[in-house]
Amino acid sequence: MALFFDAEWFDVRLKAVGLSRAALASALGMTADDLALLWKDQRELSERDVRVIAGLLGAAPETVAAHAGVSTPVPKAPTDVEVRLARVECELETLKAQLADLTRRK
């Protein structure tokens, strides 16, 4: 079990499923600054956070909790509704970023 937040593991998993940190922050209802605190091991994930991340990354909640640090709670597996809602929120964040990029190009 990790004794600290394993940022590299999370970055690799996010990339593998085509998600950005910004999209993950949105799905978790966090700001980019809140998520940055996680990556710097200065904030812990809640049980709900672990469930949502597990669903998005296709990983077991135990695995997510282990890579997030020893005191992170290990929840039950995410519900289908939680996973679908998190994916919609990630897609929305991706679309917002693409729209902002198109707007900047004009």
Protein backbone atom coordinates (compact mmCIF):
# COMPACT_ATOMS: atom_id res chain seq x y z
CA MET A 1 0.00 0.00 0.00
CA ALA A 2 1.26 3.46 -0.87
CA LEU A 3 2.31 5.75 1.94
CA PHE A 4 1.74 8.80 -0.22
CA PHE A 5 -0.34 9.89 -3.18
CA ASP A 6 1.04 8.14 -6.26
CA ALA A 7 0.60 10.96 -8.79
CA GLU A 8 2.42 9.09 -11.54
CA TRP A 9 0.02 6.12 -11.29
CA PHE A 10 -3.00 8.43 -11.50
CA ASP A 11 -1.55 10.38 -14.45
CA VAL A 12 -0.84 7.16 -16.36
CA ARG A 13 -4.35 5.84 -15.68
CA LEU A 14 -5.99 9.13 -16.66
CA LYS A 15 -4.06 9.18 -19.93
CA ALA A 16 -5.00 5.55 -20.61
CA VAL A 17 -8.71 6.38 -20.42
CA GLY A 18 -8.35 9.71 -22.25
CA LEU A 19 -9.12 12.01 -19.33
CA SER A 20 -7.41 15.17 -18.19
CA ARG A 21 -6.85 16.33 -14.65
CA ALA A 22 -9.33 19.14 -15.32
CA ALA A 23 -11.98 16.63 -16.34
CA LEU A 24 -11.31 14.57 -13.23
CA ALA A 25 -11.56 17.65 -11.02
CA SER A 26 -14.91 18.48 -12.60
CA ALA A 27 -16.21 14.95 -12.08
CA LEU A 28 -15.19 15.15 -8.42
CA GLY A 29 -16.73 18.58 -7.96
CA MET A 30 -13.34 20.07 -7.20
CA THR A 31 -11.42 23.03 -8.48
CA ALA A 32 -8.12 22.56 -10.27
CA ASP A 33 -6.44 23.87 -7.11
CA ASP A 34 -8.18 21.23 -4.97
CA LEU A 35 -7.00 18.51 -7.32
CA ALA A 36 -3.47 19.93 -7.30
CA LEU A 37 -3.47 19.50 -3.52
CA LEU A 38 -4.27 15.82 -4.03
CA TRP A 39 -1.40 15.42 -6.46
CA LYS A 40 0.94 17.07 -3.94
CA ASP A 41 -0.35 14.77 -1.19
CA GLN A 42 -1.76 17.69 0.78
CA ARG A 43 -5.41 16.63 0.59
CA GLU A 44 -7.03 13.22 0.98
CA LEU A 45 -9.69 11.64 -1.14
CA SER A 46 -13.11 11.06 0.35
CA GLU A 47 -14.89 7.74 0.06
CA ARG A 48 -17.06 9.19 -2.72
CA ASP A 49 -13.96 10.47 -4.55
CA VAL A 50 -12.44 7.00 -4.48
CA ARG A 51 -15.66 5.48 -5.87
CA VAL A 52 -15.89 8.01 -8.70
CA ILE A 53 -12.22 7.70 -9.64
CA ALA A 54 -12.44 3.91 -9.55
CA GLY A 55 -15.37 4.00 -11.95
CA LEU A 56 -13.71 6.42 -14.33
CA LEU A 57 -10.39 4.60 -14.37
CA GLY A 58 -11.89 1.11 -14.46
CA ALA A 59 -9.93 0.21 -11.34
CA ALA A 60 -10.97 -1.44 -8.11
CA PRO A 61 -11.69 1.01 -5.28
CA GLU A 62 -9.06 -0.81 -3.20
CA THR A 63 -6.45 -0.09 -5.87
CA VAL A 64 -7.38 3.59 -6.09
CA ALA A 65 -7.30 3.90 -2.30
CA ALA A 66 -3.92 2.16 -2.13
CA HIS A 67 -2.41 4.58 -4.65
CA ALA A 68 -4.00 7.56 -2.89
CA GLY A 69 -2.46 6.86 0.51
CA VAL A 70 -2.98 4.70 3.54
CA SER A 71 -5.65 6.73 5.31
CA THR A 72 -7.91 7.03 2.28
CA PRO A 73 -11.17 5.17 2.94
CA VAL A 74 -11.95 2.13 0.82
CA PRO A 75 -15.57 2.22 -0.34
CA LYS A 76 -17.76 -0.31 -2.05
CA ALA A 77 -17.60 -0.40 -5.83
CA PRO A 78 -19.17 2.61 -7.57
CA THR A 79 -22.72 2.37 -8.78
CA ASP A 80 -23.43 2.45 -12.49
CA VAL A 81 -25.17 5.81 -12.06
CA GLU A 82 -22.11 7.30 -10.31
CA VAL A 83 -19.83 6.12 -13.10
CA ARG A 84 -22.12 7.42 -15.85
CA LEU A 85 -22.55 10.79 -14.14
CA ALA A 86 -18.80 11.14 -13.66
CA ARG A 87 -18.20 10.34 -17.32
CA VAL A 88 -20.76 12.95 -18.40
CA GLU A 89 -19.05 15.53 -16.20
CA CYS A 90 -15.68 14.62 -17.73
CA GLU A 91 -17.07 14.94 -21.24
CA LEU A 92 -18.56 18.32 -20.37
CA GLU A 93 -15.19 19.53 -19.09
CA THR A 94 -13.50 18.28 -22.27
CA LEU A 95 -16.05 20.09 -24.42
CA LYS A 96 -15.57 23.30 -22.42
CA ALA A 97 -11.81 23.09 -22.97
CA GLN A 98 -12.27 22.50 -26.71
CA LEU A 99 -14.67 25.44 -26.98
CA ALA A 100 -12.24 27.69 -25.12
CA ASP A 101 -9.47 26.60 -27.49
CA LEU A 102 -11.62 27.35 -30.55
CA THR A 103 -12.56 30.75 -29.13
CA ARG A 104 -8.89 31.63 -28.56
CA ARG A 105 -8.04 30.75 -32.17
CA LYS A 106 -10.53 33.25 -33.62
